[in-house]
């Protein structure tokens, strides 16, 4: 069991270099299967999910060159090697589902074994993807363990209205539609920044997509896609996370990025709860915060931070802003409109002396004016929650521990190095139970 040990109470200061967006990279890696030409990705973050995908590709003699020093990944697939694919899909990563559309185009078949050790994909989780591929004419069979999908000899264009704005289902639609003849449309599409950049990636390969950045996508299918050299955008989640860390600890952090244009609403919510974060050109700056919650226009209501599908405040940033607000001088209501039960980890904040009340599975009221203390806490297996607990511990003078912190390494493998550079006293410690 990996534990993060934090000696908090120190302001974090310095410049931060952001990593590429993990959620943008993975569909691009899977989407490389849509062409027989070379795909070169730059600003590639060093994440284990990407390594698992490229290891899977290597079983089919793909030409892979991953230059970790230059953050560059080159992929070239040999079509004939995939005609009789037999290697087991990568397990334990949710991005496996993004292989569905490329493999249906390349081999006509996709098989997911639910009994495979380490598989993190339940049938309910892939329901939106099955709805998408069925609309293109694929047949789906499931016997309780194995989900088998077969493509028709000629796929048909589709007109789909998603039940909810699923990022990965939107990406599956795009990968199905770009190589399917005719005009395909998707209503209620996800429009997060990483989806927008994935559209631009496909357009760079020759795809014909309109409505990029909106909830309505129209795709005119073509017969082949070409190769591309494409820069993975910076991670807006990481930018906001370091901004929260700097403002919460009273430090001067400077973040330069090509995705600052995606952040005005996120920064405005931070300022609303008393965090000193500002935007200037292509940079984000933090300074000492007063933690004074902006008063509501109507005294009988709380200041709210509402997380919902983009362009609302992202649910993946809710743990970070909650924990950055534990020194607040007023009441704030945090509302997760996407995930039920995603705020139950707040019971661990209480161990730090945070006064909060879980109103229901979606809403958390932070009452403010807390007397904070270091603590040992347990994190659920959720990357963003580990980050949230870490932000809390960084503000509090003394030694704190976050147990079960392993998930953080999946998305932020260089986190400790970056925090140390900013002046934090944080280290991994393996504790034997």
Protein backbone atom coordinates (compact mmCIF):
# COMPACT_ATOMS: atom_id res chain seq x y z
CA UNK A 1 0.00 0.00 0.00
CA UNK A 2 1.53 3.32 -1.07
CA UNK A 3 1.17 6.28 1.24
CA UNK A 4 1.87 9.95 0.60
CA UNK A 5 3.56 11.68 3.53
CA UNK A 6 3.16 15.45 3.61
CA UNK A 7 4.76 17.99 5.93
CA UNK A 8 2.41 20.84 5.18
CA UNK A 9 2.04 24.50 5.98
CA UNK A 10 4.54 25.79 3.41
CA UNK A 11 3.62 28.12 0.54
CA UNK A 12 4.29 26.62 -2.89
CA UNK A 13 6.04 28.93 -5.31
CA UNK A 14 7.73 28.70 -8.70
CA UNK A 15 6.97 27.93 -12.34
CA UNK A 16 5.01 24.86 -13.39
CA UNK A 17 5.44 23.07 -16.70
CA UNK A 18 2.22 21.23 -17.50
CA UNK A 19 1.99 17.72 -18.91
CA UNK A 20 -0.07 16.72 -21.93
CA UNK A 21 -3.72 15.88 -21.34
CA UNK A 22 -4.12 12.16 -20.49
CA UNK A 23 -7.76 12.20 -21.60
CA UNK A 24 -6.75 13.69 -24.96
CA UNK A 25 -3.79 11.36 -25.49
CA UNK A 26 -5.55 8.00 -25.07
CA UNK A 27 -8.20 8.39 -27.83
CA UNK A 28 -5.46 9.72 -30.12
CA UNK A 29 -3.33 6.62 -29.48
CA UNK A 30 -6.34 4.37 -30.14
CA UNK A 31 -7.28 6.49 -33.16
CA UNK A 32 -3.87 5.78 -34.71
CA UNK A 33 -5.40 2.43 -35.72
CA UNK A 34 -7.66 4.27 -38.18
CA UNK A 35 -4.77 4.82 -40.60
CA UNK A 36 -1.94 2.79 -42.11
CA UNK A 37 0.27 5.88 -42.17
CA UNK A 38 2.56 7.13 -39.41
CA UNK A 39 1.09 9.08 -36.48
CA UNK A 40 3.46 11.22 -34.39
CA UNK A 41 2.26 12.69 -31.09
CA UNK A 42 4.22 15.29 -29.12
CA UNK A 43 3.79 16.59 -25.54
CA UNK A 44 2.97 13.00 -24.56
CA UNK A 45 2.50 12.55 -20.78
CA UNK A 46 4.38 9.57 -19.23
CA UNK A 47 1.36 7.54 -18.13
CA UNK A 48 1.01 3.80 -17.65
CA UNK A 49 -2.27 3.59 -19.62
CA UNK A 50 -0.43 4.69 -22.76
CA UNK A 51 2.28 2.08 -22.13
CA UNK A 52 -0.35 -0.66 -21.89
CA UNK A 53 -1.89 0.37 -25.21
CA UNK A 54 1.45 0.51 -27.04
CA UNK A 55 2.43 -2.87 -25.57
CA UNK A 56 -0.82 -4.25 -27.02
CA UNK A 57 0.02 -2.74 -30.40
CA UNK A 58 3.49 -4.28 -30.30
CA UNK A 59 1.89 -7.75 -30.31
CA UNK A 60 0.86 -6.94 -33.89
CA UNK A 61 4.31 -5.75 -34.94
CA UNK A 62 3.39 -2.08 -34.94
CA UNK A 63 6.36 0.25 -35.33
CA UNK A 64 6.47 2.17 -32.04
CA UNK A 65 9.05 4.73 -31.02
CA UNK A 66 8.42 6.34 -27.63
CA UNK A 67 11.05 9.00 -26.87
CA UNK A 68 10.35 9.80 -23.23
CA UNK A 69 13.00 12.51 -23.02
CA UNK A 70 11.35 14.44 -25.83
CA UNK A 71 7.78 13.41 -24.85
CA UNK A 72 7.22 12.08 -28.37
CA UNK A 73 5.38 8.95 -29.52
CA UNK A 74 5.49 7.59 -33.09
CA UNK A 75 3.03 4.88 -34.21
CA UNK A 76 2.86 3.00 -37.51
CA UNK A 77 0.50 0.05 -37.91
CA UNK A 78 0.71 -2.77 -40.43
CA UNK A 79 -2.77 -3.57 -41.62
CA UNK A 80 -2.13 -7.23 -42.48
CA UNK A 81 -0.93 -7.97 -38.97
CA UNK A 82 -4.44 -7.28 -37.62
CA UNK A 83 -6.40 -9.66 -39.85
CA UNK A 84 -6.30 -12.47 -37.30
CA UNK A 85 -5.84 -10.58 -34.04
CA UNK A 86 -5.55 -12.80 -31.00
CA UNK A 87 -3.77 -10.79 -28.31
CA UNK A 88 -5.73 -10.10 -25.12
CA UNK A 89 -7.01 -6.55 -24.83
CA UNK A 90 -5.19 -4.43 -22.23
CA UNK A 91 -6.92 -4.85 -18.87
CA UNK A 92 -7.29 -2.61 -15.86
CA UNK A 93 -7.67 0.59 -17.91
CA UNK A 94 -10.91 2.25 -18.92
CA UNK A 95 -9.47 3.44 -22.23
CA UNK A 96 -9.72 -0.15 -23.53
CA UNK A 97 -13.23 0.74 -24.69
CA UNK A 98 -11.72 3.30 -27.10
CA UNK A 99 -10.27 0.40 -29.10
CA UNK A 100 -13.80 -0.75 -30.00
CA UNK A 101 -14.40 1.45 -33.05
CA UNK A 102 -10.87 1.19 -34.53
CA UNK A 103 -10.86 -2.62 -34.24
CA UNK A 104 -14.33 -2.88 -35.79
CA UNK A 105 -13.02 -0.91 -38.77
CA UNK A 106 -9.75 -2.82 -38.96
CA UNK A 107 -10.84 -6.41 -38.19
CA UNK A 108 -14.66 -6.38 -38.17
CA UNK A 109 -14.77 -7.70 -34.61
CA UNK A 110 -14.36 -6.58 -31.02
CA UNK A 111 -14.44 -9.03 -28.11
CA UNK A 112 -14.45 -7.97 -24.47
CA UNK A 113 -14.03 -10.73 -21.89
CA UNK A 114 -15.59 -9.52 -18.66
CA UNK A 115 -13.98 -12.37 -16.72
CA UNK A 116 -10.46 -11.24 -17.66
CA UNK A 117 -8.39 -10.49 -14.62
CA UNK A 118 -8.05 -6.79 -14.01
CA UNK A 119 -10.75 -5.75 -16.45
CA UNK A 120 -12.29 -2.51 -15.19
CA UNK A 121 -15.07 -2.32 -17.78
CA UNK A 122 -18.50 -3.48 -16.76
CA UNK A 123 -21.24 -4.03 -19.33
CA UNK A 124 -23.24 -1.10 -17.95
CA UNK A 125 -20.23 1.13 -18.43
CA UNK A 126 -20.01 0.33 -22.13
CA UNK A 127 -23.77 0.57 -22.77
CA UNK A 128 -23.48 3.99 -24.50
CA UNK A 129 -20.74 2.58 -26.76
CA UNK A 130 -22.89 -0.42 -27.67
CA UNK A 131 -25.73 1.95 -28.53
CA UNK A 132 -23.38 3.82 -30.86
CA UNK A 133 -21.98 0.81 -32.72
CA UNK A 134 -25.44 -0.76 -33.07
CA UNK A 135 -26.60 2.43 -34.79
CA UNK A 136 -23.86 1.90 -37.40
CA UNK A 137 -25.19 -1.61 -38.09
CA UNK A 138 -22.99 -3.73 -35.79
CA UNK A 139 -24.40 -6.78 -34.01
CA UNK A 140 -23.82 -7.21 -30.27
CA UNK A 141 -24.02 -10.49 -28.35
CA UNK A 142 -23.41 -10.91 -24.62
CA UNK A 143 -23.50 -14.18 -22.64
CA UNK A 144 -22.79 -12.82 -19.18
CA UNK A 145 -19.01 -12.87 -19.53
CA UNK A 146 -18.05 -12.20 -23.13
CA UNK A 147 -19.34 -9.25 -25.12
CA UNK A 148 -18.85 -9.89 -28.85
CA UNK A 149 -19.42 -7.20 -31.45
CA UNK A 150 -19.36 -7.86 -35.20
CA UNK A 151 -19.39 -5.25 -37.93
CA UNK A 152 -21.44 -5.71 -41.12
CA UNK A 153 -19.67 -5.92 -44.45
CA UNK A 154 -20.67 -2.30 -45.05
CA UNK A 155 -21.46 -0.04 -42.10
CA UNK A 156 -24.27 2.47 -42.47
CA UNK A 157 -24.29 6.14 -41.45
CA UNK A 158 -26.04 6.82 -38.14
CA UNK A 159 -28.13 9.52 -36.48
CA UNK A 160 -27.69 9.24 -32.71
CA UNK A 161 -28.96 11.16 -29.68
CA UNK A 162 -27.01 10.17 -26.56
CA UNK A 163 -28.77 9.73 -23.21
CA UNK A 164 -26.03 11.82 -21.59
CA UNK A 165 -22.87 13.61 -22.68
CA UNK A 166 -20.40 10.76 -22.44
CA UNK A 167 -16.86 11.75 -23.46
CA UNK A 168 -15.73 8.28 -24.52
CA UNK A 169 -19.04 7.46 -26.28
CA UNK A 170 -18.63 10.70 -28.26
CA UNK A 171 -15.10 9.63 -29.21
CA UNK A 172 -16.39 6.18 -30.21
CA UNK A 173 -19.00 7.84 -32.44
CA UNK A 174 -16.31 9.98 -34.10
CA UNK A 175 -14.08 6.96 -34.81
CA UNK A 176 -17.02 4.98 -36.21
CA UNK A 177 -18.31 7.86 -38.34
CA UNK A 178 -15.09 9.13 -39.96
CA UNK A 179 -14.66 5.92 -42.01
CA UNK A 180 -18.33 5.12 -42.59
CA UNK A 181 -19.85 6.31 -45.91
CA UNK A 182 -22.58 8.93 -45.65
CA UNK A 183 -23.48 11.66 -43.15
CA UNK A 184 -23.58 10.69 -39.47
CA UNK A 185 -24.82 12.98 -36.71
CA UNK A 186 -24.51 12.99 -32.92
CA UNK A 187 -26.76 15.05 -30.67
CA UNK A 188 -25.90 15.63 -26.99
CA UNK A 189 -22.22 15.09 -27.73
CA UNK A 190 -19.63 15.80 -25.06
CA UNK A 191 -17.71 19.01 -25.80
CA UNK A 192 -14.86 18.95 -23.26
CA UNK A 193 -11.54 20.42 -24.44
CA UNK A 194 -10.03 16.96 -24.98
CA UNK A 195 -12.97 16.01 -27.23
CA UNK A 196 -12.49 19.21 -29.22
CA UNK A 197 -8.79 18.47 -29.68
CA UNK A 198 -9.55 14.89 -30.68
CA UNK A 199 -11.82 16.29 -33.41
CA UNK A 200 -8.97 18.51 -34.60
CA UNK A 201 -6.64 15.50 -34.58
CA UNK A 202 -9.04 13.54 -36.81
CA UNK A 203 -9.57 16.55 -39.09
CA UNK A 204 -5.79 16.75 -39.45
CA UNK A 205 -5.92 13.14 -40.67
CA UNK A 206 -8.43 14.17 -43.34
CA UNK A 207 -11.73 13.60 -41.52
CA UNK A 208 -14.70 15.84 -42.33
CA UNK A 209 -16.23 16.97 -39.03
CA UNK A 210 -18.38 20.02 -38.32
CA UNK A 211 -19.75 21.32 -35.02
CA UNK A 212 -16.41 20.93 -33.23
CA UNK A 213 -16.63 22.23 -29.66
CA UNK A 214 -20.46 21.99 -29.59
CA UNK A 215 -22.95 19.34 -28.51
CA UNK A 216 -23.97 18.59 -32.12
CA UNK A 217 -21.44 16.85 -34.37
CA UNK A 218 -21.85 16.09 -38.08
CA UNK A 219 -19.39 13.76 -39.81
CA UNK A 220 -19.11 13.01 -43.52
CA UNK A 221 -17.40 9.64 -43.80
CA UNK A 222 -14.43 9.10 -46.10
CA UNK A 223 -12.63 5.96 -47.27
CA UNK A 224 -9.17 6.46 -45.74
CA UNK A 225 -7.35 8.67 -43.26
CA UNK A 226 -3.78 9.88 -43.59
CA UNK A 227 -1.03 10.11 -40.98
CA UNK A 228 -0.42 13.18 -38.85
CA UNK A 229 1.97 14.94 -36.48
CA UNK A 230 -0.04 16.43 -33.61
CA UNK A 231 0.70 18.07 -30.27
CA UNK A 232 -1.30 16.74 -27.32
CA UNK A 233 -2.77 19.81 -25.59
CA UNK A 234 -1.78 20.72 -22.06
CA UNK A 235 -3.96 19.30 -19.30
CA UNK A 236 -6.47 21.91 -18.11
CA UNK A 237 -7.19 19.75 -15.06
CA UNK A 238 -3.52 19.84 -14.09
CA UNK A 239 -3.38 23.61 -14.65
CA UNK A 240 -6.34 24.15 -12.33
CA UNK A 241 -4.95 21.70 -9.75
CA UNK A 242 -1.63 23.56 -9.42
CA UNK A 243 -3.49 26.87 -9.36
CA UNK A 244 -5.56 25.56 -6.44
CA UNK A 245 -2.41 24.38 -4.66
CA UNK A 246 -0.67 27.73 -5.05
CA UNK A 247 -3.65 29.83 -3.95
CA UNK A 248 -4.54 27.55 -1.03
CA UNK A 249 -0.99 27.54 0.38
CA UNK A 250 -0.46 31.27 -0.22
CA UNK A 251 2.30 30.78 -2.75
CA UNK A 252 3.32 32.50 -5.98
CA UNK A 253 2.93 29.95 -8.77
CA UNK A 254 3.20 30.80 -12.46
CA UNK A 255 1.72 28.45 -15.05
CA UNK A 256 2.23 29.03 -18.77
CA UNK A 257 0.01 27.04 -21.11
CA UNK A 258 -1.60 26.84 -24.52
CA UNK A 259 -5.02 26.04 -22.99
CA UNK A 260 -5.53 29.13 -20.79
CA UNK A 261 -8.48 30.04 -23.02
CA UNK A 262 -10.32 27.03 -21.57
CA UNK A 263 -10.02 28.27 -17.97
CA UNK A 264 -11.97 31.54 -17.37
CA UNK A 265 -15.01 29.86 -15.77
CA UNK A 266 -12.82 27.58 -13.64
CA UNK A 267 -10.73 30.51 -12.39
CA UNK A 268 -13.87 32.57 -11.73
CA UNK A 269 -15.21 29.82 -9.46
CA UNK A 270 -11.91 29.75 -7.59
CA UNK A 271 -12.02 33.49 -7.04
CA UNK A 272 -15.65 33.23 -5.92
CA UNK A 273 -14.60 31.08 -2.95
CA UNK A 274 -11.72 33.37 -1.99
CA UNK A 275 -8.76 31.86 -3.86
CA UNK A 276 -6.27 34.34 -5.34
CA UNK A 277 -5.89 33.07 -8.90
CA UNK A 278 -5.60 35.37 -11.92
CA UNK A 279 -5.23 35.03 -15.69
CA UNK A 280 -2.94 37.23 -17.77
CA UNK A 281 -2.39 36.34 -21.42
CA UNK A 282 -1.28 32.73 -21.63
CA UNK A 283 -0.32 32.55 -17.94
CA UNK A 284 -2.00 31.75 -14.63
CA UNK A 285 -0.75 33.34 -11.42
CA UNK A 286 -1.48 32.61 -7.76
CA UNK A 287 -0.85 34.66 -4.62
CA UNK A 288 -1.87 34.85 -0.97
CA UNK A 289 -5.62 34.20 -0.65
CA UNK A 290 -8.01 35.87 1.80
CA UNK A 291 -10.51 32.95 1.60
CA UNK A 292 -13.40 35.40 1.81
CA UNK A 293 -16.36 33.85 0.04
CA UNK A 294 -18.11 36.31 -2.24
CA UNK A 295 -21.51 37.21 -0.78
CA UNK A 296 -24.57 35.91 -2.57
CA UNK A 297 -26.90 38.46 -4.15
CA UNK A 298 -29.67 37.02 -2.00
CA UNK A 299 -28.62 36.60 1.68
CA UNK A 300 -30.77 33.50 2.22
CA UNK A 301 -28.87 31.44 -0.39
CA UNK A 302 -25.40 29.88 -0.39
CA UNK A 303 -22.59 30.57 -2.82
CA UNK A 304 -22.56 27.50 -5.07
CA UNK A 305 -19.99 25.74 -7.18
CA UNK A 306 -21.92 23.48 -9.56
CA UNK A 307 -20.15 20.71 -11.45
CA UNK A 308 -21.80 19.46 -14.64
CA UNK A 309 -20.82 18.51 -18.22
CA UNK A 310 -18.64 21.05 -20.04
CA UNK A 311 -18.84 24.02 -20.34
CA UNK A 312 -19.86 23.89 -16.67
CA UNK A 313 -17.25 23.57 -13.94
CA UNK A 314 -15.71 20.07 -14.41
CA UNK A 315 -16.63 17.36 -11.91
CA UNK A 316 -13.00 16.19 -12.08
CA UNK A 317 -11.97 19.46 -10.40
CA UNK A 318 -14.52 19.40 -7.60
CA UNK A 319 -12.28 17.59 -5.04
CA UNK A 320 -9.49 20.10 -5.70
CA UNK A 321 -11.61 23.22 -5.22
CA UNK A 322 -13.36 21.76 -2.18
CA UNK A 323 -10.05 21.06 -0.46
CA UNK A 324 -8.58 24.41 -1.50
CA UNK A 325 -11.53 26.09 0.27
CA UNK A 326 -11.11 24.52 3.73
CA UNK A 327 -9.71 27.82 5.09
CA UNK A 328 -12.79 29.70 3.88
CA UNK A 329 -14.44 32.39 6.00
CA UNK A 330 -17.93 31.58 4.75
CA UNK A 331 -20.31 28.88 3.62
CA UNK A 332 -20.05 27.24 0.21
CA UNK A 333 -22.32 24.62 -1.35
CA UNK A 334 -20.59 22.22 -3.75
CA UNK A 335 -22.93 20.39 -6.10
CA UNK A 336 -21.91 17.42 -8.25
CA UNK A 337 -24.66 17.13 -10.85
CA UNK A 338 -23.01 14.20 -12.66
CA UNK A 339 -21.92 11.50 -10.22
CA UNK A 340 -24.05 10.21 -7.39
CA UNK A 341 -22.05 9.43 -4.27
CA UNK A 342 -18.87 11.11 -5.50
CA UNK A 343 -18.66 13.30 -2.37
CA UNK A 344 -18.62 10.59 0.31
CA UNK A 345 -14.85 11.00 0.63
CA UNK A 346 -15.60 14.27 2.47
CA UNK A 347 -15.68 12.22 5.68
CA UNK A 348 -11.88 12.13 5.37
CA UNK A 349 -11.79 15.94 5.34
CA UNK A 350 -13.41 15.90 8.77
CA UNK A 351 -10.23 14.26 10.10
CA UNK A 352 -8.39 17.45 9.12
CA UNK A 353 -10.84 19.47 11.25
CA UNK A 354 -13.01 20.54 8.33
CA UNK A 355 -16.63 21.27 9.22
CA UNK A 356 -18.81 20.06 6.36
CA UNK A 357 -22.18 18.45 5.87
CA UNK A 358 -23.13 16.00 3.14
CA UNK A 359 -26.66 17.12 2.36
CA UNK A 360 -27.35 14.25 -0.06
CA UNK A 361 -25.33 12.08 -2.52
CA UNK A 362 -24.81 15.13 -4.76
CA UNK A 363 -24.33 18.13 -2.45
CA UNK A 364 -21.74 19.08 0.17
CA UNK A 365 -21.97 22.16 2.38
CA UNK A 366 -18.64 23.51 3.65
CA UNK A 367 -19.39 25.73 6.67
CA UNK A 368 -15.98 27.42 6.99
CA UNK A 369 -14.12 28.95 9.95
CA UNK A 370 -12.34 25.65 10.56
CA UNK A 371 -9.63 24.81 13.08
CA UNK A 372 -7.39 22.65 10.93
CA UNK A 373 -5.02 19.93 12.08
CA UNK A 374 -2.75 17.36 10.37
CA UNK A 375 -4.21 13.87 10.01
CA UNK A 376 -3.86 10.41 8.51
CA UNK A 377 -6.59 9.81 5.96
CA UNK A 378 -7.68 7.04 3.59
CA UNK A 379 -8.42 7.76 -0.05
CA UNK A 380 -10.84 5.84 -2.26
CA UNK A 381 -9.47 4.61 -5.61
CA UNK A 382 -10.16 7.91 -7.34
CA UNK A 383 -7.30 9.97 -8.78
CA UNK A 384 -8.91 13.36 -8.23
CA UNK A 385 -9.81 12.60 -4.60
CA UNK A 386 -6.18 11.81 -3.81
CA UNK A 387 -5.33 15.23 -5.25
CA UNK A 388 -8.04 16.84 -3.14
CA UNK A 389 -6.76 15.29 0.09
CA UNK A 390 -3.22 16.28 -0.89
CA UNK A 391 -4.28 19.92 -1.34
CA UNK A 392 -5.85 19.85 2.12
CA UNK A 393 -2.70 18.40 3.72
CA UNK A 394 -0.41 20.91 1.98
CA UNK A 395 -2.18 23.78 3.77
CA UNK A 396 -1.89 22.36 7.29
CA UNK A 397 1.28 22.67 9.34
CA UNK A 398 2.54 19.28 10.50
CA UNK A 399 2.80 15.72 9.22
CA UNK A 400 -0.16 14.21 7.37
CA UNK A 401 -0.53 10.89 5.57
CA UNK A 402 -2.74 9.87 2.66
CA UNK A 403 -3.09 6.11 2.52
CA UNK A 404 -4.09 4.25 -0.68
CA UNK A 405 -2.65 7.10 -2.74
CA UNK A 406 -1.49 4.79 -5.56
CA UNK A 407 -4.05 6.00 -8.17
CA UNK A 408 -2.38 9.39 -8.39
CA UNK A 409 0.63 7.87 -10.17
CA UNK A 410 -1.58 6.81 -13.11
CA UNK A 411 -2.31 10.40 -14.13
CA UNK A 412 0.53 12.31 -12.44
CA UNK A 413 3.66 10.11 -12.39
CA UNK A 414 5.93 13.13 -11.92
CA UNK A 415 3.81 14.84 -9.25
CA UNK A 416 6.31 14.50 -6.40
CA UNK A 417 9.13 15.96 -8.50
CA UNK A 418 6.99 18.93 -9.53
CA UNK A 419 5.81 19.58 -5.96
CA UNK A 420 9.34 19.34 -4.60
CA UNK A 421 10.44 21.88 -7.20
CA UNK A 422 7.73 24.21 -5.83
CA UNK A 423 9.00 23.79 -2.26
CA UNK A 424 6.65 21.12 -0.94
CA UNK A 425 7.82 18.46 1.52
CA UNK A 426 6.10 15.39 0.07
CA UNK A 427 7.32 11.83 -0.40
CA UNK A 428 6.12 8.32 -1.10
CA UNK A 429 6.31 5.79 1.69
CA UNK A 430 5.54 2.08 1.38
CA UNK A 431 3.81 0.90 4.51
CA UNK A 432 3.46 -2.80 5.12
CA UNK A 433 0.14 -3.82 6.63
